Protein backbone atom coordinates (compact mmCIF):
# COMPACT_ATOMS: atom_id res chain seq x y z
CA MET A 1 -23.15 9.50 -1.00
CA ARG A 2 -20.72 7.99 -3.50
CA GLU A 3 -17.77 6.13 -2.00
CA LYS A 4 -14.37 7.60 -2.73
CA PRO A 5 -12.04 5.23 -4.66
CA VAL A 6 -8.98 3.77 -3.05
CA ILE A 7 -6.19 2.43 -5.22
CA LEU A 8 -4.41 -0.14 -3.10
CA VAL A 9 -0.73 -0.80 -3.96
CA LEU A 10 0.59 -4.16 -2.76
CA GLY A 11 3.84 -6.02 -3.14
CA MET A 12 6.82 -7.40 -1.23
CA PRO A 13 8.90 -5.08 0.96
CA GLY A 14 11.27 -3.34 -1.44
CA SER A 15 9.08 -3.98 -4.51
CA GLY A 16 8.53 -0.28 -5.18
CA LYS A 17 5.07 0.26 -3.66
CA THR A 18 5.87 3.77 -2.45
CA THR A 19 7.57 4.87 -5.66
CA VAL A 20 4.77 3.53 -7.89
CA GLY A 21 2.05 4.82 -5.52
CA ARG A 22 3.43 8.35 -5.52
CA GLU A 23 3.76 8.42 -9.33
CA ILE A 24 0.21 7.08 -9.84
CA ALA A 25 -1.20 9.55 -7.30
CA GLU A 26 0.56 12.43 -9.01
CA TYR A 27 -0.66 11.30 -12.43
CA LEU A 28 -4.27 10.99 -11.14
CA ARG A 29 -3.97 14.15 -9.01
CA ILE A 30 -5.18 12.42 -5.86
CA PRO A 31 -3.37 12.07 -2.48
CA PHE A 32 -0.95 9.24 -1.62
CA LEU A 33 -0.44 7.61 1.75
CA SER A 34 2.44 5.30 2.51
CA MET A 35 1.60 2.89 5.32
CA GLY A 36 5.30 2.78 6.24
CA ASP A 37 5.20 6.55 6.85
CA VAL A 38 1.84 6.40 8.65
CA LEU A 39 3.03 3.54 10.87
CA ARG A 40 6.32 5.22 11.77
CA ALA A 41 4.56 8.53 12.55
CA GLY A 42 1.93 6.74 14.60
CA ARG A 43 4.55 4.88 16.65
CA LEU A 44 6.46 8.14 17.25
CA SER A 45 3.24 9.87 18.42
CA GLY A 46 3.05 7.66 21.47
CA VAL A 47 -0.59 6.83 20.76
CA LEU A 48 -1.08 3.07 20.79
CA PRO A 49 -4.63 2.08 19.78
CA GLU A 50 -5.91 -1.15 21.34
CA THR A 51 -5.80 -3.45 18.30
CA HIS A 52 -3.84 -6.28 16.83
CA ASP A 53 -3.09 -4.35 13.63
CA LEU A 54 -1.42 -1.01 14.34
CA ALA A 55 -1.04 -0.25 10.66
CA THR A 56 -4.80 -0.16 10.05
CA ALA A 57 -5.46 1.65 13.34
CA PHE A 58 -2.93 4.36 12.49
CA LEU A 59 -4.35 4.63 8.96
CA GLU A 60 -7.83 5.21 10.43
CA LEU A 61 -6.43 7.94 12.71
CA GLU A 62 -4.73 9.58 9.72
CA LEU A 63 -7.87 9.52 7.60
CA LEU A 64 -9.97 10.91 10.47
CA ARG A 65 -7.41 13.65 11.09
CA LEU A 66 -7.34 14.88 7.49
CA PRO A 67 -10.76 14.10 5.95
CA GLY A 68 -11.02 16.96 3.51
CA LYS A 69 -7.73 16.02 1.85
CA TYR A 70 -9.15 12.73 0.51
CA LEU A 71 -12.39 13.90 -1.06
CA GLY A 72 -11.54 12.60 -4.56
CA GLY A 73 -10.03 9.31 -3.51
CA LEU A 74 -6.57 8.18 -2.60
CA VAL A 75 -3.67 5.93 -3.48
CA LEU A 76 -2.60 3.71 -0.57
CA ASP A 77 0.60 1.74 -0.18
CA PHE A 78 -0.66 -0.75 2.40
CA SER A 79 1.03 -3.65 4.14
CA PRO A 80 -1.10 -5.40 6.78
CA VAL A 81 0.92 -6.73 9.69
CA HIS A 82 -1.78 -8.89 11.21
CA GLN A 83 -4.74 -10.92 9.84
CA SER A 84 -7.18 -8.46 11.40
CA GLY A 85 -5.69 -5.78 9.13
CA ASN A 86 -7.10 -7.41 6.03
CA MET A 87 -10.55 -7.79 7.57
CA TRP A 88 -10.59 -4.37 9.16
CA LEU A 89 -9.20 -2.41 6.21
CA GLU A 90 -12.25 -2.59 3.93
CA GLU A 91 -14.67 -2.23 6.83
CA MET A 92 -12.86 0.84 8.19
CA LEU A 93 -12.57 2.40 4.74
CA GLY A 94 -16.28 1.81 4.13
CA ILE A 95 -17.22 3.49 7.38
CA LEU A 96 -15.16 6.51 6.35
CA GLY A 97 -16.71 6.61 2.85
CA PHE A 98 -13.95 4.89 0.89
CA LYS A 99 -13.98 1.75 -1.26
CA VAL A 100 -11.05 -0.28 -2.61
CA SER A 101 -11.61 0.04 -6.35
CA VAL A 102 -8.33 -1.18 -7.78
CA VAL A 103 -5.44 -3.20 -6.39
CA ILE A 104 -2.04 -2.76 -8.05
CA TYR A 105 0.25 -5.70 -7.41
CA ILE A 106 3.87 -4.99 -8.06
CA ARG A 107 5.41 -8.28 -8.98
CA VAL A 108 9.18 -8.36 -8.70
CA LYS A 109 11.77 -11.08 -8.16
CA THR A 110 12.44 -11.76 -4.51
CA SER A 111 16.17 -11.18 -4.97
CA GLU A 112 15.50 -7.73 -6.55
CA ALA A 113 13.07 -6.75 -3.81
CA GLU A 114 15.58 -7.82 -1.13
CA ARG A 115 18.37 -5.87 -2.84
CA ARG A 116 16.19 -2.69 -2.88
CA TYR A 117 15.06 -3.25 0.71
CA ILE A 118 18.59 -3.63 2.00
CA SER A 119 19.81 -0.58 0.00
CA ARG A 120 17.34 1.73 1.82
CA GLY A 121 18.98 0.97 5.15
CA LYS A 122 17.57 0.74 8.66
CA ARG A 123 14.56 2.90 9.43
CA PRO A 124 13.01 3.98 12.74
CA GLY A 125 11.06 1.09 14.19
CA ASP A 126 13.10 -1.67 12.51
CA SER A 127 13.66 -4.44 14.95
CA THR A 128 17.18 -5.36 13.80
CA ASN A 129 20.21 -4.03 11.96
CA ASN A 130 20.29 -7.15 9.80
CA MET A 131 18.25 -5.88 6.87
CA SER A 132 18.38 -9.14 4.96
CA GLN A 133 16.96 -11.00 7.96
CA LEU A 134 14.29 -8.34 8.44
CA PHE A 135 13.30 -8.55 4.75
CA ARG A 136 12.88 -12.33 4.97
CA GLN A 137 10.82 -11.95 8.17
CA ARG A 138 8.52 -9.40 6.60
CA VAL A 139 7.98 -11.52 3.47
CA LYS A 140 7.22 -14.61 5.59
CA ASN A 141 5.18 -12.91 8.37
CA GLU A 142 3.44 -10.12 6.49
CA PHE A 143 3.49 -10.32 2.71
CA ARG A 144 2.71 -14.01 2.22
CA PRO A 145 -0.03 -14.46 4.85
CA PHE A 146 -1.69 -11.06 4.54
CA SER A 147 -0.95 -9.26 1.23
CA LEU A 148 -1.22 -12.32 -1.05
CA PRO A 149 -4.82 -13.03 0.05
CA LEU A 150 -5.77 -9.40 -0.77
CA ILE A 151 -4.13 -9.84 -4.19
CA ARG A 152 -5.99 -13.10 -4.87
CA LYS A 153 -9.32 -11.53 -3.74
CA ALA A 154 -8.79 -8.54 -6.07
CA ASP A 155 -8.04 -10.91 -8.93
CA LYS A 156 -11.29 -12.79 -8.36
CA LEU A 157 -13.22 -9.50 -8.27
CA ARG A 158 -11.45 -8.28 -11.45
CA LYS A 159 -9.96 -5.33 -9.58
CA LEU A 160 -6.35 -6.42 -10.01
CA VAL A 161 -3.72 -4.67 -12.11
CA VAL A 162 -0.34 -6.40 -12.18
CA LEU A 163 2.82 -4.38 -12.73
CA ASN A 164 5.82 -6.57 -13.50
CA ASN A 165 9.31 -5.53 -12.45
CA CYS A 166 8.25 -1.96 -11.69
CA SER A 167 11.70 -0.39 -12.06
CA ASP A 168 11.82 -1.23 -15.76
CA GLU A 169 8.23 -0.31 -16.55
CA MET A 170 7.89 2.79 -14.41
CA GLN A 171 11.17 4.39 -15.45
CA ARG A 172 9.65 4.98 -18.85
CA ASN A 173 7.24 7.92 -18.84
CA GLU A 174 4.62 5.90 -20.68
CA GLY A 175 4.65 3.40 -17.80
CA VAL A 176 2.97 5.83 -15.41
CA ALA A 177 0.58 7.07 -18.08
CA ALA A 178 -0.35 3.55 -19.16
CA MET A 179 -0.94 2.49 -15.56
CA GLY A 180 -3.01 5.62 -15.00
CA ARG A 181 -5.16 4.92 -18.07
CA ILE A 182 -5.76 1.33 -16.90
CA ILE A 183 -6.85 2.56 -13.48
CA ILE A 184 -9.09 5.31 -14.91
CA ARG A 185 -10.84 2.67 -17.04
CA LYS A 186 -11.50 0.60 -13.95
CA ILE A 187 -12.81 3.42 -11.77
CA ASP A 188 -14.36 6.83 -12.17
CA ILE A 189 -11.90 9.43 -10.81
């Protein structure tokens, strides 16, 4: 059985992962999952899997709950919140018949990402009302130790696509189409 491709979208909080992920998924006509949405829904469900990385555990529950929806692959905005999330992600996806085929890294200035993050406001599950403080914590405690290693690994494996300052590139229609063409060349969707 052929593994279904996963396009992993990584970047700092506020970098535009969800926006870019949705546009790429729409262009490729495959489903999109935002880990922020999956994690918030999982926390609200009251189900707390025994693991260090709730994001990956809730993702697994979501994929198991809706298997038919992901037959052609999926775009995933993923932010591991614990080291085990990096290790478990690919193993869990493999068990479920998926394979990370492409990693899109949205590179944006920290000040721009922080501005965007603050502008969205507090969300359910946020630990503080100080959004600037929360942004800095997430960059320090999640993005740098967990997302950056995934980005470096994808670069070594030649699976990395870098999107610079996504707001400028993706606002132009050709930005989405160009990104979609790059991804299609890398994987067979």
